Amino acid sequence: MLTSSQAVLYLQRMARDKAAPRKNYGLRLDQGTMKELAHLAVDEDRWLNELVEEAVRDLLKKYRDKRK
């Protein structure tokens, strides 16, 4: 059962996902990394995909800033 705040977050995420089209990609990670990522998603009450997207955006920004 979701709490009301969890339900609100879920609905906000669903609305955002509909606004930004997504494409599926296969991703292979070692078991330890995947396990740690899954635990982080639970601890932060976020979708695992959100964390992966955040990490990729941060990595791209890091290298973009390095080129400047």
N, C-alpha and C. Protein backbone atom coordinates (compact mmCIF):
# COMPACT_ATOMS: atom_id res chain seq x y z
N MET A 1 0.84 -1.18 0.00
CA MET A 1 0.00 0.00 0.00
C MET A 1 0.89 1.24 0.00
N LEU A 2 0.60 2.16 -0.87
CA LEU A 2 1.36 3.41 -0.96
C LEU A 2 0.83 4.44 0.02
N THR A 3 1.74 5.22 0.60
CA THR A 3 1.31 6.36 1.40
C THR A 3 0.87 7.44 0.43
N SER A 4 0.21 8.46 0.92
CA SER A 4 -0.27 9.52 0.03
C SER A 4 0.89 10.25 -0.63
N SER A 5 1.99 10.46 0.09
CA SER A 5 3.14 11.14 -0.52
C SER A 5 3.79 10.27 -1.58
N GLN A 6 3.84 8.94 -1.36
CA GLN A 6 4.38 8.03 -2.37
C GLN A 6 3.49 8.03 -3.61
N ALA A 7 2.19 8.08 -3.40
CA ALA A 7 1.25 8.10 -4.53
C ALA A 7 1.43 9.37 -5.35
N VAL A 8 1.62 10.50 -4.69
CA VAL A 8 1.84 11.76 -5.40
C VAL A 8 3.12 11.69 -6.21
N LEU A 9 4.21 11.19 -5.61
CA LEU A 9 5.47 11.05 -6.34
C LEU A 9 5.31 10.13 -7.54
N TYR A 10 4.60 9.04 -7.35
CA TYR A 10 4.38 8.09 -8.44
C TYR A 10 3.64 8.76 -9.59
N LEU A 11 2.58 9.49 -9.29
CA LEU A 11 1.81 10.17 -10.33
C LEU A 11 2.63 11.25 -11.03
N GLN A 12 3.46 11.96 -10.29
CA GLN A 12 4.34 12.97 -10.90
C GLN A 12 5.32 12.32 -11.86
N ARG A 13 5.88 11.19 -11.45
CA ARG A 13 6.83 10.47 -12.31
C ARG A 13 6.14 9.96 -13.56
N MET A 14 4.94 9.44 -13.41
CA MET A 14 4.20 8.93 -14.56
C MET A 14 3.91 10.06 -15.55
N ALA A 15 3.52 11.22 -15.04
CA ALA A 15 3.24 12.37 -15.91
C ALA A 15 4.51 12.80 -16.63
N ARG A 16 5.63 12.84 -15.93
CA ARG A 16 6.90 13.23 -16.54
C ARG A 16 7.30 12.24 -17.61
N ASP A 17 7.14 10.96 -17.33
CA ASP A 17 7.52 9.93 -18.30
C ASP A 17 6.70 10.04 -19.58
N LYS A 18 5.43 10.42 -19.47
CA LYS A 18 4.60 10.58 -20.67
C LYS A 18 5.04 11.82 -21.45
N ALA A 19 5.53 12.84 -20.75
CA ALA A 19 5.94 14.07 -21.41
C ALA A 19 7.26 13.89 -22.16
N ALA A 20 8.13 13.04 -21.65
CA ALA A 20 9.44 12.82 -22.27
C ALA A 20 9.49 11.39 -22.82
N PRO A 21 9.37 11.25 -24.13
CA PRO A 21 9.38 9.90 -24.71
C PRO A 21 10.68 9.16 -24.38
N ARG A 22 10.56 7.88 -24.16
CA ARG A 22 11.71 7.06 -23.79
C ARG A 22 11.92 5.97 -24.83
N LYS A 23 13.15 5.51 -24.92
CA LYS A 23 13.50 4.39 -25.78
C LYS A 23 14.21 3.37 -24.90
N ASN A 24 13.90 2.11 -25.09
CA ASN A 24 14.54 1.05 -24.30
C ASN A 24 15.92 0.72 -24.85
N TYR A 25 16.86 0.51 -23.94
CA TYR A 25 18.21 0.09 -24.28
C TYR A 25 18.60 -1.04 -23.35
N GLY A 26 19.37 -1.98 -23.86
CA GLY A 26 19.90 -3.03 -23.00
C GLY A 26 21.10 -2.49 -22.25
N LEU A 27 21.22 -2.84 -21.01
CA LEU A 27 22.32 -2.35 -20.18
C LEU A 27 22.83 -3.52 -19.35
N ARG A 28 24.11 -3.75 -19.42
CA ARG A 28 24.72 -4.84 -18.65
C ARG A 28 25.60 -4.24 -17.57
N LEU A 29 25.31 -4.58 -16.33
CA LEU A 29 26.10 -4.12 -15.19
C LEU A 29 26.50 -5.34 -14.37
N ASP A 30 27.64 -5.23 -13.67
CA ASP A 30 28.02 -6.34 -12.81
C ASP A 30 27.02 -6.44 -11.65
N GLN A 31 26.91 -7.63 -11.10
CA GLN A 31 25.91 -7.91 -10.07
C GLN A 31 26.03 -6.99 -8.86
N GLY A 32 27.25 -6.72 -8.42
CA GLY A 32 27.44 -5.88 -7.25
C GLY A 32 26.94 -4.46 -7.47
N THR A 33 27.24 -3.91 -8.65
CA THR A 33 26.79 -2.56 -8.98
C THR A 33 25.27 -2.52 -9.06
N MET A 34 24.68 -3.52 -9.70
CA MET A 34 23.23 -3.56 -9.85
C MET A 34 22.55 -3.68 -8.49
N LYS A 35 23.11 -4.51 -7.63
CA LYS A 35 22.53 -4.70 -6.30
C LYS A 35 22.59 -3.40 -5.50
N GLU A 36 23.74 -2.74 -5.56
CA GLU A 36 23.89 -1.46 -4.84
C GLU A 36 22.94 -0.41 -5.40
N LEU A 37 22.79 -0.37 -6.71
CA LEU A 37 21.87 0.58 -7.35
C LEU A 37 20.43 0.30 -6.94
N ALA A 38 20.05 -0.97 -6.89
CA ALA A 38 18.69 -1.34 -6.49
C ALA A 38 18.42 -0.93 -5.04
N HIS A 39 19.40 -1.13 -4.16
CA HIS A 39 19.25 -0.72 -2.76
C HIS A 39 19.13 0.80 -2.66
N LEU A 40 19.92 1.51 -3.44
CA LEU A 40 19.85 2.98 -3.43
C LEU A 40 18.47 3.45 -3.89
N ALA A 41 17.93 2.82 -4.92
CA ALA A 41 16.60 3.19 -5.42
C ALA A 41 15.55 3.02 -4.32
N VAL A 42 15.64 1.94 -3.58
CA VAL A 42 14.70 1.70 -2.48
C VAL A 42 14.91 2.74 -1.38
N ASP A 43 16.16 2.96 -1.00
CA ASP A 43 16.47 3.92 0.07
C ASP A 43 16.01 5.33 -0.28
N GLU A 44 16.14 5.70 -1.55
CA GLU A 44 15.79 7.06 -1.99
C GLU A 44 14.34 7.16 -2.47
N ASP A 45 13.63 6.01 -2.46
CA ASP A 45 12.25 5.96 -2.93
C ASP A 45 12.12 6.52 -4.36
N ARG A 46 13.01 6.02 -5.22
CA ARG A 46 13.04 6.45 -6.62
C ARG A 46 13.09 5.22 -7.51
N TRP A 47 12.72 5.40 -8.77
CA TRP A 47 12.83 4.33 -9.74
C TRP A 47 14.31 4.13 -10.07
N LEU A 48 14.69 2.90 -10.28
CA LEU A 48 16.07 2.58 -10.65
C LEU A 48 16.46 3.33 -11.93
N ASN A 49 15.55 3.39 -12.88
CA ASN A 49 15.81 4.08 -14.14
C ASN A 49 16.14 5.56 -13.92
N GLU A 50 15.47 6.18 -12.95
CA GLU A 50 15.76 7.59 -12.63
C GLU A 50 17.21 7.76 -12.21
N LEU A 51 17.69 6.83 -11.38
CA LEU A 51 19.07 6.92 -10.90
C LEU A 51 20.07 6.72 -12.03
N VAL A 52 19.77 5.79 -12.93
CA VAL A 52 20.66 5.56 -14.07
C VAL A 52 20.69 6.80 -14.97
N GLU A 53 19.52 7.39 -15.25
CA GLU A 53 19.48 8.61 -16.07
C GLU A 53 20.25 9.75 -15.41
N GLU A 54 20.09 9.90 -14.10
CA GLU A 54 20.82 10.95 -13.38
C GLU A 54 22.32 10.74 -13.49
N ALA A 55 22.76 9.49 -13.33
CA ALA A 55 24.19 9.18 -13.41
C ALA A 55 24.74 9.48 -14.81
N VAL A 56 23.98 9.12 -15.83
CA VAL A 56 24.42 9.37 -17.21
C VAL A 56 24.48 10.87 -17.48
N ARG A 57 23.47 11.62 -17.04
CA ARG A 57 23.49 13.08 -17.23
C ARG A 57 24.69 13.70 -16.52
N ASP A 58 24.97 13.26 -15.29
CA ASP A 58 26.13 13.77 -14.54
C ASP A 58 27.44 13.45 -15.26
N LEU A 59 27.56 12.25 -15.80
CA LEU A 59 28.76 11.85 -16.53
C LEU A 59 28.94 12.70 -17.79
N LEU A 60 27.85 12.91 -18.53
CA LEU A 60 27.93 13.74 -19.74
C LEU A 60 28.33 15.17 -19.40
N LYS A 61 27.77 15.72 -18.33
CA LYS A 61 28.11 17.08 -17.90
C LYS A 61 29.59 17.16 -17.52
N LYS A 62 30.07 16.16 -16.80
CA LYS A 62 31.48 16.12 -16.38
C LYS A 62 32.40 16.22 -17.60
N TYR A 63 32.14 15.43 -18.61
CA TYR A 63 33.01 15.43 -19.79
C TYR A 63 32.79 16.67 -20.66
N ARG A 64 31.56 17.18 -20.68
CA ARG A 64 31.28 18.41 -21.41
C ARG A 64 32.05 19.56 -20.78
N ASP A 65 32.02 19.65 -19.45
CA ASP A 65 32.74 20.71 -18.74
C ASP A 65 34.25 20.58 -18.90
N LYS A 66 34.74 19.35 -19.00
CA LYS A 66 36.17 19.11 -19.15
C LYS A 66 36.68 19.64 -20.49
N ARG A 67 35.83 19.61 -21.52
CA ARG A 67 36.23 20.06 -22.86
C ARG A 67 36.27 21.58 -22.98
N LYS A 68 35.64 22.28 -22.05
CA LYS A 68 35.59 23.76 -22.14
C LYS A 68 36.90 24.38 -21.77
